[in-house]
Amino acid sequence: QVRLVESGGGLVQPGGSLRLSCAASGTIFSINTMAWYRQPPGKGREFVGGIKWTDRQTIYADSVKGRFTVSRDNAEYTVYLQMNSLKPEDTAVYYCNADGIQTKLPRDFDSWGQGTQVTVSS
């Protein structure tokens, strides 16, 4: 199976920065995309940003454009979310998602991490 582990969450003041990491491991043959989602308190899960593994194309939610950057490691199945100019409304549990092909049946996978808490507060 494919396992995703997030790290880097915490408490930060408004205007501050944090970098989240997500490492994928397990029965991976290839990755199509890795993405970040978040779930604010009392709300549903929403898309934040993502990256296509082969050509590194990125896409972002309007609410984070210009403040957040998704990037990936060259050697490992690791994706990062650099968050700058953080606002209280960015407070949420942040989840990592990956989809692709694995080395066992069923070939397609779509996996989620356990989430990491980001709190923006003074």
C-alpha atoms as a PDB file:
ATOM      1  CA  GLN A   1       0.000   0.000   0.000  1.00  0.00           C
ATOM      2  CA  VAL A   2       0.997   3.634  -0.389  1.00  0.00           C
ATOM      3  CA  ARG A   3       1.545   5.606   2.807  1.00  0.00           C
ATOM      4  CA  LEU A   4       1.701   9.385   3.132  1.00  0.00           C
ATOM      5  CA  VAL A   5       3.172  11.104   6.183  1.00  0.00           C
ATOM      6  CA  GLU A   6       2.831  14.863   6.703  1.00  0.00           C
ATOM      7  CA  SER A   7       4.973  16.995   8.986  1.00  0.00           C
ATOM      8  CA  GLY A   8       5.697  20.642   9.732  1.00  0.00           C
ATOM      9  CA  GLY A   9       2.432  21.922  11.167  1.00  0.00           C
ATOM     10  CA  GLY A  10       2.209  24.107  14.235  1.00  0.00           C
ATOM     11  CA  LEU A  11       1.245  27.471  15.672  1.00  0.00           C
ATOM     12  CA  VAL A  12       2.317  30.626  13.846  1.00  0.00           C
ATOM     13  CA  GLN A  13       1.456  34.298  14.142  1.00  0.00           C
ATOM     14  CA  PRO A  14      -0.427  36.124  11.379  1.00  0.00           C
ATOM     15  CA  GLY A  15       2.005  37.138   8.654  1.00  0.00           C
ATOM     16  CA  GLY A  16       4.341  34.284   9.475  1.00  0.00           C
ATOM     17  CA  SER A  17       5.476  31.293   7.443  1.00  0.00           C
ATOM     18  CA  LEU A  18       5.437  27.524   7.718  1.00  0.00           C
ATOM     19  CA  ARG A  19       6.606  24.730   5.464  1.00  0.00           C
ATOM     20  CA  LEU A  20       4.760  21.433   5.383  1.00  0.00           C
ATOM     21  CA  SER A  21       6.276  18.228   4.048  1.00  0.00           C
ATOM     22  CA  CYS A  22       4.622  15.054   2.826  1.00  0.00           C
ATOM     23  CA  ALA A  23       6.592  11.894   2.179  1.00  0.00           C
ATOM     24  CA  ALA A  24       5.086   9.060   0.159  1.00  0.00           C
ATOM     25  CA  SER A  25       6.335   5.504   0.489  1.00  0.00           C
ATOM     26  CA  GLY A  26       5.302   1.932  -0.118  1.00  0.00           C
ATOM     27  CA  THR A  27       4.263   0.136  -3.279  1.00  0.00           C
ATOM     28  CA  ILE A  28       4.710   3.112  -5.611  1.00  0.00           C
ATOM     29  CA  PHE A  29       5.421   2.549  -9.291  1.00  0.00           C
ATOM     30  CA  SER A  30       4.747   6.104 -10.390  1.00  0.00           C
ATOM     31  CA  ILE A  31       3.023   9.225  -9.137  1.00  0.00           C
ATOM     32  CA  ASN A  32       0.673  11.324 -11.261  1.00  0.00           C
ATOM     33  CA  THR A  33      -0.045  14.200  -8.911  1.00  0.00           C
ATOM     34  CA  MET A  34       0.456  15.174  -5.288  1.00  0.00           C
ATOM     35  CA  ALA A  35      -1.735  17.793  -3.710  1.00  0.00           C
ATOM     36  CA  TRP A  36      -2.581  19.552  -0.481  1.00  0.00           C
ATOM     37  CA  TYR A  37      -6.053  19.950   0.936  1.00  0.00           C
ATOM     38  CA  ARG A  38      -7.216  21.540   4.171  1.00  0.00           C
ATOM     39  CA  GLN A  39     -10.175  21.332   6.480  1.00  0.00           C
ATOM     40  CA  PRO A  40     -10.904  24.452   8.553  1.00  0.00           C
ATOM     41  CA  PRO A  41     -12.730  24.012  11.861  1.00  0.00           C
ATOM     42  CA  GLY A  42     -16.393  23.190  11.264  1.00  0.00           C
ATOM     43  CA  LYS A  43     -16.028  23.179   7.472  1.00  0.00           C
ATOM     44  CA  GLY A  44     -15.469  20.688   4.691  1.00  0.00           C
ATOM     45  CA  ARG A  45     -12.188  19.708   3.095  1.00  0.00           C
ATOM     46  CA  GLU A  46     -10.986  22.067   0.363  1.00  0.00           C
ATOM     47  CA  PHE A  47      -8.271  21.999  -2.286  1.00  0.00           C
ATOM     48  CA  VAL A  48      -5.200  24.133  -1.592  1.00  0.00           C
ATOM     49  CA  GLY A  49      -2.662  23.352  -4.299  1.00  0.00           C
ATOM     50  CA  GLY A  50      -1.130  20.531  -6.277  1.00  0.00           C
ATOM     51  CA  ILE A  51       1.716  19.526  -8.561  1.00  0.00           C
ATOM     52  CA  LYS A  52       1.963  17.188 -11.535  1.00  0.00           C
ATOM     53  CA  TRP A  53       4.884  14.896 -10.876  1.00  0.00           C
ATOM     54  CA  THR A  54       6.426  14.719 -14.356  1.00  0.00           C
ATOM     55  CA  ASP A  55       6.333  18.316 -15.555  1.00  0.00           C
ATOM     56  CA  ARG A  56       6.015  20.028 -12.144  1.00  0.00           C
ATOM     57  CA  GLN A  57       2.985  22.043 -13.274  1.00  0.00           C
ATOM     58  CA  THR A  58       1.265  23.548 -10.262  1.00  0.00           C
ATOM     59  CA  ILE A  59      -2.245  24.726  -9.578  1.00  0.00           C
ATOM     60  CA  TYR A  60      -3.597  26.672  -6.614  1.00  0.00           C
ATOM     61  CA  ALA A  61      -6.844  27.701  -5.006  1.00  0.00           C
ATOM     62  CA  ASP A  62      -7.569  31.398  -5.448  1.00  0.00           C
ATOM     63  CA  SER A  63      -7.449  31.908  -1.688  1.00  0.00           C
ATOM     64  CA  VAL A  64      -3.748  30.973  -1.490  1.00  0.00           C
ATOM     65  CA  LYS A  65      -2.365  32.161  -4.850  1.00  0.00           C
ATOM     66  CA  GLY A  66       0.720  34.303  -4.384  1.00  0.00           C
ATOM     67  CA  ARG A  67       1.158  33.168  -0.759  1.00  0.00           C
ATOM     68  CA  PHE A  68       1.558  29.377  -0.952  1.00  0.00           C
ATOM     69  CA  THR A  69       3.945  27.367  -3.112  1.00  0.00           C
ATOM     70  CA  VAL A  70       3.850  23.640  -3.840  1.00  0.00           C
ATOM     71  CA  SER A  71       7.121  21.988  -4.829  1.00  0.00           C
ATOM     72  CA  ARG A  72       8.573  18.500  -4.948  1.00  0.00           C
ATOM     73  CA  ASP A  73      11.810  16.805  -4.145  1.00  0.00           C
ATOM     74  CA  ASN A  74      13.961  15.700  -7.082  1.00  0.00           C
ATOM     75  CA  ALA A  75      14.922  12.319  -5.692  1.00  0.00           C
ATOM     76  CA  GLU A  76      12.246  11.258  -3.223  1.00  0.00           C
ATOM     77  CA  TYR A  77       8.472  11.081  -3.355  1.00  0.00           C
ATOM     78  CA  THR A  78       8.175  14.166  -1.193  1.00  0.00           C
ATOM     79  CA  VAL A  79       6.065  17.250  -1.723  1.00  0.00           C
ATOM     80  CA  TYR A  80       6.260  20.531   0.134  1.00  0.00           C
ATOM     81  CA  LEU A  81       3.832  23.333   0.871  1.00  0.00           C
ATOM     82  CA  GLN A  82       5.548  26.633   1.611  1.00  0.00           C
ATOM     83  CA  MET A  83       3.032  28.932   3.279  1.00  0.00           C
ATOM     84  CA  ASN A  84       3.842  32.637   3.578  1.00  0.00           C
ATOM     85  CA  SER A  85       1.836  35.628   4.774  1.00  0.00           C
ATOM     86  CA  LEU A  86      -0.363  33.320   6.805  1.00  0.00           C
ATOM     87  CA  LYS A  87      -3.787  34.528   7.898  1.00  0.00           C
ATOM     88  CA  PRO A  88      -6.064  33.322  10.696  1.00  0.00           C
ATOM     89  CA  GLU A  89      -8.390  31.923   8.030  1.00  0.00           C
ATOM     90  CA  ASP A  90      -5.605  29.560   6.955  1.00  0.00           C
ATOM     91  CA  THR A  91      -6.107  27.699  10.242  1.00  0.00           C
ATOM     92  CA  ALA A  92      -6.988  24.120   9.352  1.00  0.00           C
ATOM     93  CA  VAL A  93      -5.879  20.528   9.336  1.00  0.00           C
ATOM     94  CA  TYR A  94      -3.764  20.140   6.211  1.00  0.00           C
ATOM     95  CA  TYR A  95      -3.862  16.852   4.328  1.00  0.00           C
ATOM     96  CA  CYS A  96      -1.600  15.451   1.651  1.00  0.00           C
ATOM     97  CA  ASN A  97      -3.001  13.454  -1.271  1.00  0.00           C
ATOM     98  CA  ALA A  98      -1.269  11.418  -3.950  1.00  0.00           C
ATOM     99  CA  ASP A  99      -2.525   9.448  -6.928  1.00  0.00           C
ATOM    100  CA  GLY A 100      -0.718   7.223  -9.365  1.00  0.00           C
ATOM    101  CA  ILE A 101       0.183   3.635 -10.135  1.00  0.00           C
ATOM    102  CA  GLN A 102       1.390   1.099  -7.608  1.00  0.00           C
ATOM    103  CA  THR A 103       3.288  -2.158  -8.012  1.00  0.00           C
ATOM    104  CA  LYS A 104       0.448  -4.363  -6.835  1.00  0.00           C
ATOM    105  CA  LEU A 105      -3.240  -4.771  -7.644  1.00  0.00           C
ATOM    106  CA  PRO A 106      -5.257  -2.665  -7.837  1.00  0.00           C
ATOM    107  CA  ARG A 107      -2.816  -0.672  -9.918  1.00  0.00           C
ATOM    108  CA  ASP A 108      -4.373   2.734  -9.373  1.00  0.00           C
ATOM    109  CA  PHE A 109      -3.995   4.344  -5.990  1.00  0.00           C
ATOM    110  CA  ASP A 110      -5.373   7.490  -4.404  1.00  0.00           C
ATOM    111  CA  SER A 111      -4.007   7.901  -0.895  1.00  0.00           C
ATOM    112  CA  TRP A 112      -4.311  10.402   1.934  1.00  0.00           C
ATOM    113  CA  GLY A 113      -2.111  11.314   4.852  1.00  0.00           C
ATOM    114  CA  GLN A 114      -3.283  11.597   8.427  1.00  0.00           C
ATOM    115  CA  GLY A 115      -3.214  15.405   8.447  1.00  0.00           C
ATOM    116  CA  THR A 116      -1.226  18.038  10.290  1.00  0.00           C
ATOM    117  CA  GLN A 117      -2.666  20.970  12.248  1.00  0.00           C
ATOM    118  CA  VAL A 118      -1.805  24.531  11.254  1.00  0.00           C
ATOM    119  CA  THR A 119      -3.004  27.276  13.581  1.00  0.00           C
ATOM    120  CA  VAL A 120      -2.550  30.943  12.725  1.00  0.00           C
ATOM    121  CA  SER A 121      -3.145  33.093  15.763  1.00  0.00           C
ATOM    122  CA  SER A 122      -1.601  35.910  17.761  1.00  0.00           C
END
